[in-house]
Amino acid sequence: MLLKLIAKTHASEIIKSLEKNDELHFGGICKYVEGHKNSINRILQELYDEGIVEKREENYSPKISKSYYKLTDFGKEVSKIIDQLEVLEHRYYEAKNKPL
């Protein structure tokens, strides 16, 4: 389920970093998202599997390659949903903390 995926640790951070930077290699994503590289890689794979990000491999030699990621059109829509959820969350906390 989409909401479960974007609620996972680092998922929305990865999506927002790709939205701001268009395309990033794995190391670039790790600079924006603090966390264990294995966790970030696992979330990236899930985002890829769900069609939220696309992946491009660039081979520098037979043993050295870099993976570049960018949002798909669907991923850009998901990013907008994340923005809307953040606005709703802010409104919720404002209303909850407002004296009656």
PDB file of N, CA and C in Angstrom:
ATOM      1  N   MET A   1       0.835  -1.185   0.000  1.00  0.00           N
ATOM      2  CA  MET A   1       0.000   0.000   0.000  1.00  0.00           C
ATOM      3  C   MET A   1       0.884   1.254   0.000  1.00  0.00           C
ATOM      4  N   LEU A   2       0.481   2.227  -0.755  1.00  0.00           N
ATOM      5  CA  LEU A   2       1.272   3.437  -0.947  1.00  0.00           C
ATOM      6  C   LEU A   2       1.513   4.188   0.362  1.00  0.00           C
ATOM      7  N   LEU A   3       0.473   4.373   1.173  1.00  0.00           N
ATOM      8  CA  LEU A   3       0.641   5.118   2.427  1.00  0.00           C
ATOM      9  C   LEU A   3       1.604   4.418   3.375  1.00  0.00           C
ATOM     10  N   LYS A   4       1.569   3.088   3.379  1.00  0.00           N
ATOM     11  CA  LYS A   4       2.504   2.341   4.221  1.00  0.00           C
ATOM     12  C   LYS A   4       3.938   2.575   3.769  1.00  0.00           C
ATOM     13  N   LEU A   5       4.130   2.609   2.466  1.00  0.00           N
ATOM     14  CA  LEU A   5       5.478   2.810   1.926  1.00  0.00           C
ATOM     15  C   LEU A   5       6.008   4.198   2.254  1.00  0.00           C
ATOM     16  N   ILE A   6       5.210   5.229   2.021  1.00  0.00           N
ATOM     17  CA  ILE A   6       5.733   6.584   2.271  1.00  0.00           C
ATOM     18  C   ILE A   6       5.829   6.889   3.768  1.00  0.00           C
ATOM     19  N   ALA A   7       5.186   6.066   4.600  1.00  0.00           N
ATOM     20  CA  ALA A   7       5.298   6.246   6.044  1.00  0.00           C
ATOM     21  C   ALA A   7       6.570   5.600   6.600  1.00  0.00           C
ATOM     22  N   LYS A   8       7.235   4.789   5.798  1.00  0.00           N
ATOM     23  CA  LYS A   8       8.454   4.125   6.257  1.00  0.00           C
ATOM     24  C   LYS A   8       9.558   5.156   6.470  1.00  0.00           C
ATOM     25  N   THR A   9      10.428   4.825   7.411  1.00  0.00           N
ATOM     26  CA  THR A   9      11.562   5.693   7.724  1.00  0.00           C
ATOM     27  C   THR A   9      12.358   5.982   6.456  1.00  0.00           C
ATOM     28  N   HIS A  10      12.613   7.231   6.210  1.00  0.00           N
ATOM     29  CA  HIS A  10      13.422   7.755   5.101  1.00  0.00           C
ATOM     30  C   HIS A  10      12.706   7.839   3.755  1.00  0.00           C
ATOM     31  N   ALA A  11      11.555   7.215   3.589  1.00  0.00           N
ATOM     32  CA  ALA A  11      10.906   7.209   2.274  1.00  0.00           C
ATOM     33  C   ALA A  11      10.557   8.624   1.820  1.00  0.00           C
ATOM     34  N   SER A  12       9.874   9.391   2.663  1.00  0.00           N
ATOM     35  CA  SER A  12       9.488  10.741   2.241  1.00  0.00           C
ATOM     36  C   SER A  12      10.714  11.642   2.100  1.00  0.00           C
ATOM     37  N   GLU A  13      11.734  11.428   2.928  1.00  0.00           N
ATOM     38  CA  GLU A  13      12.967  12.217   2.799  1.00  0.00           C
ATOM     39  C   GLU A  13      13.639  11.962   1.451  1.00  0.00           C
ATOM     40  N   ILE A  14      13.667  10.703   1.033  1.00  0.00           N
ATOM     41  CA  ILE A  14      14.264  10.355  -0.255  1.00  0.00           C
ATOM     42  C   ILE A  14      13.469  11.003  -1.383  1.00  0.00           C
ATOM     43  N   ILE A  15      12.157  10.897  -1.310  1.00  0.00           N
ATOM     44  CA  ILE A  15      11.297  11.471  -2.351  1.00  0.00           C
ATOM     45  C   ILE A  15      11.493  12.981  -2.428  1.00  0.00           C
ATOM     46  N   LYS A  16      11.509  13.658  -1.291  1.00  0.00           N
ATOM     47  CA  LYS A  16      11.670  15.118  -1.286  1.00  0.00           C
ATOM     48  C   LYS A  16      13.065  15.528  -1.769  1.00  0.00           C
ATOM     49  N   SER A  17      14.093  14.754  -1.436  1.00  0.00           N
ATOM     50  CA  SER A  17      15.440  15.108  -1.913  1.00  0.00           C
ATOM     51  C   SER A  17      15.534  14.953  -3.426  1.00  0.00           C
ATOM     52  N   LEU A  18      14.857  13.937  -3.977  1.00  0.00           N
ATOM     53  CA  LEU A  18      14.858  13.774  -5.433  1.00  0.00           C
ATOM     54  C   LEU A  18      14.023  14.851  -6.110  1.00  0.00           C
ATOM     55  N   GLU A  19      12.983  15.295  -5.442  1.00  0.00           N
ATOM     56  CA  GLU A  19      12.169  16.375  -6.016  1.00  0.00           C
ATOM     57  C   GLU A  19      13.005  17.660  -6.123  1.00  0.00           C
ATOM     58  N   LYS A  20      13.797  17.938  -5.120  1.00  0.00           N
ATOM     59  CA  LYS A  20      14.608  19.162  -5.101  1.00  0.00           C
ATOM     60  C   LYS A  20      15.796  19.099  -6.060  1.00  0.00           C
ATOM     61  N   ASN A  21      16.295  17.906  -6.326  1.00  0.00           N
ATOM     62  CA  ASN A  21      17.540  17.766  -7.080  1.00  0.00           C
ATOM     63  C   ASN A  21      17.389  17.088  -8.429  1.00  0.00           C
ATOM     64  N   ASP A  22      16.202  16.760  -8.819  1.00  0.00           N
ATOM     65  CA  ASP A  22      15.906  16.083 -10.082  1.00  0.00           C
ATOM     66  C   ASP A  22      16.499  14.686 -10.129  1.00  0.00           C
ATOM     67  N   GLU A  23      17.820  14.552 -10.113  1.00  0.00           N
ATOM     68  CA  GLU A  23      18.443  13.230 -10.176  1.00  0.00           C
ATOM     69  C   GLU A  23      19.648  13.221  -9.251  1.00  0.00           C
ATOM     70  N   LEU A  24      19.777  12.140  -8.499  1.00  0.00           N
ATOM     71  CA  LEU A  24      20.910  11.981  -7.591  1.00  0.00           C
ATOM     72  C   LEU A  24      21.436  10.563  -7.668  1.00  0.00           C
ATOM     73  N   HIS A  25      22.750  10.425  -7.478  1.00  0.00           N
ATOM     74  CA  HIS A  25      23.299   9.077  -7.342  1.00  0.00           C
ATOM     75  C   HIS A  25      23.124   8.651  -5.894  1.00  0.00           C
ATOM     76  N   PHE A  26      23.321   7.384  -5.620  1.00  0.00           N
ATOM     77  CA  PHE A  26      23.068   6.843  -4.289  1.00  0.00           C
ATOM     78  C   PHE A  26      23.810   7.625  -3.206  1.00  0.00           C
ATOM     79  N   GLY A  27      25.074   7.926  -3.434  1.00  0.00           N
ATOM     80  CA  GLY A  27      25.855   8.684  -2.448  1.00  0.00           C
ATOM     81  C   GLY A  27      25.278  10.068  -2.206  1.00  0.00           C
ATOM     82  N   GLY A  28      24.754  10.694  -3.247  1.00  0.00           N
ATOM     83  CA  GLY A  28      24.124  12.004  -3.103  1.00  0.00           C
ATOM     84  C   GLY A  28      22.872  11.929  -2.247  1.00  0.00           C
ATOM     85  N   ILE A  29      22.097  10.880  -2.426  1.00  0.00           N
ATOM     86  CA  ILE A  29      20.895  10.685  -1.602  1.00  0.00           C
ATOM     87  C   ILE A  29      21.298  10.503  -0.144  1.00  0.00           C
ATOM     88  N   CYS A  30      22.362   9.749   0.084  1.00  0.00           N
ATOM     89  CA  CYS A  30      22.822   9.505   1.452  1.00  0.00           C
ATOM     90  C   CYS A  30      23.276  10.783   2.141  1.00  0.00           C
ATOM     91  N   LYS A  31      23.707  11.783   1.379  1.00  0.00           N
ATOM     92  CA  LYS A  31      24.086  13.071   1.968  1.00  0.00           C
ATOM     93  C   LYS A  31      22.866  13.831   2.473  1.00  0.00           C
ATOM     94  N   TYR A  32      21.715  13.654   1.810  1.00  0.00           N
ATOM     95  CA  TYR A  32      20.487  14.334   2.206  1.00  0.00           C
ATOM     96  C   TYR A  32      19.715  13.582   3.275  1.00  0.00           C
ATOM     97  N   VAL A  33      19.871  12.265   3.298  1.00  0.00           N
ATOM     98  CA  VAL A  33      19.082  11.424   4.192  1.00  0.00           C
ATOM     99  C   VAL A  33      20.027  10.749   5.170  1.00  0.00           C
ATOM    100  N   GLU A  34      19.870  11.089   6.440  1.00  0.00           N
ATOM    101  CA  GLU A  34      20.724  10.472   7.446  1.00  0.00           C
ATOM    102  C   GLU A  34      20.148   9.129   7.841  1.00  0.00           C
ATOM    103  N   GLY A  35      20.950   8.121   7.687  1.00  0.00           N
ATOM    104  CA  GLY A  35      20.516   6.778   8.040  1.00  0.00           C
ATOM    105  C   GLY A  35      21.511   5.766   7.538  1.00  0.00           C
ATOM    106  N   HIS A  36      21.290   4.536   7.901  1.00  0.00           N
ATOM    107  CA  HIS A  36      22.164   3.456   7.476  1.00  0.00           C
ATOM    108  C   HIS A  36      21.982   3.229   5.977  1.00  0.00           C
ATOM    109  N   LYS A  37      23.074   3.082   5.270  1.00  0.00           N
ATOM    110  CA  LYS A  37      23.018   2.941   3.812  1.00  0.00           C
ATOM    111  C   LYS A  37      22.184   1.736   3.376  1.00  0.00           C
ATOM    112  N   ASN A  38      22.219   0.658   4.151  1.00  0.00           N
ATOM    113  CA  ASN A  38      21.409  -0.508   3.791  1.00  0.00           C
ATOM    114  C   ASN A  38      19.918  -0.180   3.861  1.00  0.00           C
ATOM    115  N   SER A  39      19.520   0.594   4.867  1.00  0.00           N
ATOM    116  CA  SER A  39      18.109   0.988   4.999  1.00  0.00           C
ATOM    117  C   SER A  39      17.685   1.890   3.843  1.00  0.00           C
ATOM    118  N   ILE A  40      18.540   2.829   3.501  1.00  0.00           N
ATOM    119  CA  ILE A  40      18.248   3.743   2.394  1.00  0.00           C
ATOM    120  C   ILE A  40      18.149   2.960   1.089  1.00  0.00           C
ATOM    121  N   ASN A  41      19.069   2.036   0.887  1.00  0.00           N
ATOM    122  CA  ASN A  41      19.059   1.216  -0.324  1.00  0.00           C
ATOM    123  C   ASN A  41      17.781   0.373  -0.403  1.00  0.00           C
ATOM    124  N   ARG A  42      17.359  -0.180   0.716  1.00  0.00           N
ATOM    125  CA  ARG A  42      16.150  -1.009   0.746  1.00  0.00           C
ATOM    126  C   ARG A  42      14.916  -0.179   0.392  1.00  0.00           C
ATOM    127  N   ILE A  43      14.820   1.028   0.948  1.00  0.00           N
ATOM    128  CA  ILE A  43      13.681   1.902   0.642  1.00  0.00           C
ATOM    129  C   ILE A  43      13.724   2.328  -0.825  1.00  0.00           C
ATOM    130  N   LEU A  44      14.908   2.658  -1.329  1.00  0.00           N
ATOM    131  CA  LEU A  44      15.033   3.013  -2.746  1.00  0.00           C
ATOM    132  C   LEU A  44      14.546   1.875  -3.641  1.00  0.00           C
ATOM    133  N   GLN A  45      14.886   0.656  -3.273  1.00  0.00           N
ATOM    134  CA  GLN A  45      14.444  -0.494  -4.065  1.00  0.00           C
ATOM    135  C   GLN A  45      12.914  -0.609  -4.030  1.00  0.00           C
ATOM    136  N   GLU A  46      12.310  -0.394  -2.863  1.00  0.00           N
ATOM    137  CA  GLU A  46      10.848  -0.440  -2.758  1.00  0.00           C
ATOM    138  C   GLU A  46      10.206   0.681  -3.579  1.00  0.00           C
ATOM    139  N   LEU A  47      10.787   1.877  -3.523  1.00  0.00           N
ATOM    140  CA  LEU A  47      10.264   2.992  -4.311  1.00  0.00           C
ATOM    141  C   LEU A  47      10.382   2.693  -5.805  1.00  0.00           C
ATOM    142  N   TYR A  48      11.467   2.049  -6.179  1.00  0.00           N
ATOM    143  CA  TYR A  48      11.660   1.640  -7.576  1.00  0.00           C
ATOM    144  C   TYR A  48      10.624   0.582  -7.973  1.00  0.00           C
ATOM    145  N   ASP A  49      10.442  -0.415  -7.125  1.00  0.00           N
ATOM    146  CA  ASP A  49       9.493  -1.495  -7.412  1.00  0.00           C
ATOM    147  C   ASP A  49       8.063  -0.977  -7.571  1.00  0.00           C
ATOM    148  N   GLU A  50       7.736   0.093  -6.855  1.00  0.00           N
ATOM    149  CA  GLU A  50       6.382   0.659  -6.912  1.00  0.00           C
ATOM    150  C   GLU A  50       6.227   1.733  -7.989  1.00  0.00           C
ATOM    151  N   GLY A  51       7.299   2.000  -8.735  1.00  0.00           N
ATOM    152  CA  GLY A  51       7.218   2.958  -9.839  1.00  0.00           C
ATOM    153  C   GLY A  51       7.285   4.411  -9.407  1.00  0.00           C
ATOM    154  N   ILE A  52       7.792   4.661  -8.208  1.00  0.00           N
ATOM    155  CA  ILE A  52       7.898   6.028  -7.697  1.00  0.00           C
ATOM    156  C   ILE A  52       9.206   6.672  -8.145  1.00  0.00           C
ATOM    157  N   VAL A  53      10.270   5.867  -8.225  1.00  0.00           N
ATOM    158  CA  VAL A  53      11.551   6.360  -8.748  1.00  0.00           C
ATOM    159  C   VAL A  53      11.977   5.478  -9.909  1.00  0.00           C
ATOM    160  N   GLU A  54      12.789   6.064 -10.768  1.00  0.00           N
ATOM    161  CA  GLU A  54      13.422   5.276 -11.825  1.00  0.00           C
ATOM    162  C   GLU A  54      14.917   5.284 -11.561  1.00  0.00           C
ATOM    163  N   LYS A  55      15.573   4.289 -12.086  1.00  0.00           N
ATOM    164  CA  LYS A  55      16.990   4.077 -11.805  1.00  0.00           C
ATOM    165  C   LYS A  55      17.757   3.990 -13.121  1.00  0.00           C
ATOM    166  N   ARG A  56      18.910   4.633 -13.127  1.00  0.00           N
ATOM    167  CA  ARG A  56      19.793   4.601 -14.294  1.00  0.00           C
ATOM    168  C   ARG A  56      21.176   4.217 -13.803  1.00  0.00           C
ATOM    169  N   GLU A  57      21.778   3.251 -14.468  1.00  0.00           N
ATOM    170  CA  GLU A  57      23.127   2.798 -14.098  1.00  0.00           C
ATOM    171  C   GLU A  57      24.132   3.397 -15.077  1.00  0.00           C
ATOM    172  N   GLU A  58      25.205   3.898 -14.525  1.00  0.00           N
ATOM    173  CA  GLU A  58      26.285   4.418 -15.357  1.00  0.00           C
ATOM    174  C   GLU A  58      27.546   3.627 -15.025  1.00  0.00           C
ATOM    175  N   ASN A  59      28.060   2.915 -15.997  1.00  0.00           N
ATOM    176  CA  ASN A  59      29.245   2.082 -15.790  1.00  0.00           C
ATOM    177  C   ASN A  59      30.500   2.857 -16.160  1.00  0.00           C
ATOM    178  N   TYR A  60      31.407   2.937 -15.196  1.00  0.00           N
ATOM    179  CA  TYR A  60      32.676   3.621 -15.432  1.00  0.00           C
ATOM    180  C   TYR A  60      33.769   2.635 -15.823  1.00  0.00           C
ATOM    181  N   SER A  61      33.598   1.407 -15.396  1.00  0.00           N
ATOM    182  CA  SER A  61      34.493   0.317 -15.753  1.00  0.00           C
ATOM    183  C   SER A  61      33.725  -0.966 -15.454  1.00  0.00           C
ATOM    184  N   PRO A  62      34.284  -2.117 -15.787  1.00  0.00           N
ATOM    185  CA  PRO A  62      33.556  -3.358 -15.509  1.00  0.00           C
ATOM    186  C   PRO A  62      33.212  -3.547 -14.026  1.00  0.00           C
ATOM    187  N   LYS A  63      33.987  -2.966 -13.141  1.00  0.00           N
ATOM    188  CA  LYS A  63      33.755  -3.157 -11.701  1.00  0.00           C
ATOM    189  C   LYS A  63      33.163  -1.936 -11.012  1.00  0.00           C
ATOM    190  N   ILE A  64      33.136  -0.796 -11.676  1.00  0.00           N
ATOM    191  CA  ILE A  64      32.675   0.436 -11.024  1.00  0.00           C
ATOM    192  C   ILE A  64      31.479   0.993 -11.785  1.00  0.00           C
ATOM    193  N   SER A  65      30.374   1.152 -11.062  1.00  0.00           N
ATOM    194  CA  SER A  65      29.194   1.780 -11.651  1.00  0.00           C
ATOM    195  C   SER A  65      28.494   2.617 -10.590  1.00  0.00           C
ATOM    196  N   LYS A  66      27.711   3.563 -11.041  1.00  0.00           N
ATOM    197  CA  LYS A  66      26.916   4.397 -10.145  1.00  0.00           C
ATOM    198  C   LYS A  66      25.462   4.268 -10.548  1.00  0.00           C
ATOM    199  N   SER A  67      24.613   4.222  -9.535  1.00  0.00           N
ATOM    200  CA  SER A  67      23.173   4.191  -9.774  1.00  0.00           C
ATOM    201  C   SER A  67      22.621   5.589  -9.527  1.00  0.00           C
ATOM    202  N   TYR A  68      21.899   6.093 -10.494  1.00  0.00           N
ATOM    203  CA  TYR A  68      21.259   7.401 -10.387  1.00  0.00           C
ATOM    204  C   TYR A  68      19.756   7.202 -10.289  1.00  0.00           C
ATOM    205  N   TYR A  69      19.118   8.000  -9.445  1.00  0.00           N
ATOM    206  CA  TYR A  69      17.678   7.883  -9.217  1.00  0.00           C
ATOM    207  C   TYR A  69      17.001   9.212  -9.483  1.00  0.00           C
ATOM    208  N   LYS A  70      15.777   9.137 -10.000  1.00  0.00           N
ATOM    209  CA  LYS A  70      14.959  10.330 -10.165  1.00  0.00           C
ATOM    210  C   LYS A  70      13.502   9.927 -10.022  1.00  0.00           C
ATOM    211  N   LEU A  71      12.657  10.906  -9.724  1.00  0.00           N
ATOM    212  CA  LEU A  71      11.236  10.635  -9.577  1.00  0.00           C
ATOM    213  C   LEU A  71      10.595  10.389 -10.929  1.00  0.00           C
ATOM    214  N   THR A  72       9.685   9.450 -10.966  1.00  0.00           N
ATOM    215  CA  THR A  72       8.848   9.252 -12.146  1.00  0.00           C
ATOM    216  C   THR A  72       7.719  10.280 -12.076  1.00  0.00           C
ATOM    217  N   ASP A  73       6.893  10.348 -13.099  1.00  0.00           N
ATOM    218  CA  ASP A  73       5.725  11.238 -13.039  1.00  0.00           C
ATOM    219  C   ASP A  73       4.832  10.846 -11.866  1.00  0.00           C
ATOM    220  N   PHE A  74       4.670   9.544 -11.656  1.00  0.00           N
ATOM    221  CA  PHE A  74       3.896   9.067 -10.512  1.00  0.00           C
ATOM    222  C   PHE A  74       4.560   9.502  -9.210  1.00  0.00           C
ATOM    223  N   GLY A  75       5.888   9.437  -9.149  1.00  0.00           N
ATOM    224  CA  GLY A  75       6.634   9.864  -7.968  1.00  0.00           C
ATOM    225  C   GLY A  75       6.426  11.340  -7.663  1.00  0.00           C
ATOM    226  N   LYS A  76       6.316  12.153  -8.707  1.00  0.00           N
ATOM    227  CA  LYS A  76       6.057  13.586  -8.506  1.00  0.00           C
ATOM    228  C   LYS A  76       4.671  13.804  -7.904  1.00  0.00           C
ATOM    229  N   GLU A  77       3.711  12.980  -8.307  1.00  0.00           N
ATOM    230  CA  GLU A  77       2.375  13.057  -7.712  1.00  0.00           C
ATOM    231  C   GLU A  77       2.426  12.623  -6.248  1.00  0.00           C
ATOM    232  N   VAL A  78       3.196  11.589  -5.960  1.00  0.00           N
ATOM    233  CA  VAL A  78       3.352  11.120  -4.584  1.00  0.00           C
ATOM    234  C   VAL A  78       3.980  12.224  -3.733  1.00  0.00           C
ATOM    235  N   SER A  79       4.937  12.938  -4.278  1.00  0.00           N
ATOM    236  CA  SER A  79       5.570  14.046  -3.557  1.00  0.00           C
ATOM    237  C   SER A  79       4.542  15.121  -3.195  1.00  0.00           C
ATOM    238  N   LYS A  80       3.617  15.392  -4.105  1.00  0.00           N
ATOM    239  CA  LYS A  80       2.558  16.365  -3.823  1.00  0.00           C
ATOM    240  C   LYS A  80       1.657  15.862  -2.704  1.00  0.00           C
ATOM    241  N   ILE A  81       1.394  14.565  -2.683  1.00  0.00           N
ATOM    242  CA  ILE A  81       0.579  13.981  -1.614  1.00  0.00           C
ATOM    243  C   ILE A  81       1.290  14.136  -0.270  1.00  0.00           C
ATOM    244  N   ILE A  82       2.601  13.923  -0.263  1.00  0.00           N
ATOM    245  CA  ILE A  82       3.378  14.103   0.972  1.00  0.00           C
ATOM    246  C   ILE A  82       3.251  15.547   1.456  1.00  0.00           C
ATOM    247  N   ASP A  83       3.342  16.507   0.529  1.00  0.00           N
ATOM    248  CA  ASP A  83       3.168  17.919   0.895  1.00  0.00           C
ATOM    249  C   ASP A  83       1.799  18.151   1.523  1.00  0.00           C
ATOM    250  N   GLN A  84       0.763  17.589   0.928  1.00  0.00           N
ATOM    251  CA  GLN A  84      -0.597  17.764   1.452  1.00  0.00           C
ATOM    252  C   GLN A  84      -0.739  17.126   2.827  1.00  0.00           C
ATOM    253  N   LEU A  85      -0.135  15.962   3.023  1.00  0.00           N
ATOM    254  CA  LEU A  85      -0.192  15.307   4.327  1.00  0.00           C
ATOM    255  C   LEU A  85       0.506  16.146   5.393  1.00  0.00           C
ATOM    256  N   GLU A  86       1.615  16.777   5.028  1.00  0.00           N
ATOM    257  CA  GLU A  86       2.323  17.634   5.977  1.00  0.00           C
ATOM    258  C   GLU A  86       1.477  18.847   6.356  1.00  0.00           C
ATOM    259  N   VAL A  87       0.759  19.429   5.390  1.00  0.00           N
ATOM    260  CA  VAL A  87      -0.131  20.557   5.676  1.00  0.00           C
ATOM    261  C   VAL A  87      -1.259  20.107   6.603  1.00  0.00           C
ATOM    262  N   LEU A  88      -1.848  18.967   6.305  1.00  0.00           N
ATOM    263  CA  LEU A  88      -2.927  18.450   7.155  1.00  0.00           C
ATOM    264  C   LEU A  88      -2.441  18.159   8.565  1.00  0.00           C
ATOM    265  N   GLU A  89      -1.251  17.598   8.669  1.00  0.00           N
ATOM    266  CA  GLU A  89      -0.694  17.308   9.985  1.00  0.00           C
ATOM    267  C   GLU A  89      -0.475  18.592  10.773  1.00  0.00           C
ATOM    268  N   HIS A  90       0.026  19.622  10.105  1.00  0.00           N
ATOM    269  CA  HIS A  90       0.246  20.917  10.754  1.00  0.00           C
ATOM    270  C   HIS A  90      -1.089  21.492  11.241  1.00  0.00           C
ATOM    271  N   ARG A  91      -2.113  21.447  10.399  1.00  0.00           N
ATOM    272  CA  ARG A  91      -3.442  21.935  10.781  1.00  0.00           C
ATOM    273  C   ARG A  91      -4.008  21.145  11.951  1.00  0.00           C
ATOM    274  N   TYR A  92      -3.798  19.842  11.919  1.00  0.00           N
ATOM    275  CA  TYR A  92      -4.290  18.979  12.993  1.00  0.00           C
ATOM    276  C   TYR A  92      -3.675  19.388  14.322  1.00  0.00           C
ATOM    277  N   TYR A  93      -2.353  19.566  14.360  1.00  0.00           N
ATOM    278  CA  TYR A  93      -1.694  19.935  15.604  1.00  0.00           C
ATOM    279  C   TYR A  93      -2.070  21.340  16.056  1.00  0.00           C
ATOM    280  N   GLU A  94      -2.270  22.251  15.121  1.00  0.00           N
ATOM    281  CA  GLU A  94      -2.734  23.593  15.477  1.00  0.00           C
ATOM    282  C   GLU A  94      -4.118  23.522  16.131  1.00  0.00           C
ATOM    283  N   ALA A  95      -5.011  22.762  15.519  1.00  0.00           N
ATOM    284  CA  ALA A  95      -6.367  22.636  16.055  1.00  0.00           C
ATOM    285  C   ALA A  95      -6.376  21.920  17.395  1.00  0.00           C
ATOM    286  N   LYS A  96      -5.543  20.920  17.518  1.00  0.00           N
ATOM    287  CA  LYS A  96      -5.474  20.130  18.752  1.00  0.00           C
ATOM    288  C   LYS A  96      -4.942  20.951  19.911  1.00  0.00           C
ATOM    289  N   ASN A  97      -4.010  21.843  19.632  1.00  0.00           N
ATOM    290  CA  ASN A  97      -3.389  22.642  20.684  1.00  0.00           C
ATOM    291  C   ASN A  97      -4.057  23.993  20.912  1.00  0.00           C
ATOM    292  N   LYS A  98      -5.093  24.271  20.138  1.00  0.00           N
ATOM    293  CA  LYS A  98      -5.810  25.533  20.266  1.00  0.00           C
ATOM    294  C   LYS A  98      -6.738  25.471  21.486  1.00  0.00           C
ATOM    295  N   PRO A  99      -6.675  26.472  22.351  1.00  0.00           N
ATOM    296  CA  PRO A  99      -7.581  26.467  23.508  1.00  0.00           C
ATOM    297  C   PRO A  99      -9.033  26.662  23.078  1.00  0.00           C
ATOM    298  N   LEU A 100      -9.945  25.980  23.774  1.00  0.00           N
ATOM    299  CA  LEU A 100     -11.364  26.107  23.467  1.00  0.00           C
ATOM    300  C   LEU A 100     -11.990  27.293  24.122  1.00  0.00           C
TER     301      LEU A 100
END
